[in-house]
Amino acid sequence: MRQLRGKRKRGWGEQYTGREARDAEIEAGARLPATELVARVRTSAAHWQRTVETLPDAAWDAVVVPFTGEVCTARRILVIRLRELTLHLVDLDIGHEVADIPPAACDIVLDDVLGHYARAAGVPSFIVRDADGVELARFGDGTRVVSGTRADLLAWCSGRGGDALDAPDGLPALPPWI
């Protein structure tokens, strides 16, 4: 959101000053009482909505660089925000699982994660297929096949599971993701 606000003002909005600042902010937030966290989430969601609704058309194609270092457009921040919300809700360990992510959101986030691995170094050779056998991605020569529901594939690719996947030759070891 900080980056989109900055683009609305024709400037640069820092998401975080670095990974350490991000981690410190998350750690500080983790110690807050639940009622304060809920209030912050509601306030943040309202700010996010206002920012998205009022961002000038030209700003959506402006270049931004999130803390991950990826050069992208402001439009891409929408996918990053969806990814953050859906996966971190799972991380809260309050009973929400990757399988609970709505299918359309799951598809968007899975495509995003697979896109990351397509650009990443050190990704082993394998093919990703959904439960219907549709090939979603191919890495290298595709010597192994990993298949399953899109939610199970997302859980594995994002480091949140993988036990339910079908991988006759074993699951390939993926490099770190974000």
Foldseek 3Di string as FASTA:
>chain_A
DQQLVQLQVVHGGAPAPAPVRVVVVVVVLVPDDPVVNVVVVVVVVVVVVVSVVRRDPVQQQDWHAHNVRDIGGVVCVVLVVLLCVQVVVCVVVPPDALVNDPPVSLVSNLLVLLVVQQPDPPADFAWEAEPVRHTPDTDDPHPWYKYYHSSLSSCVSQVNHNPPIDTPVDDDDGDHDD
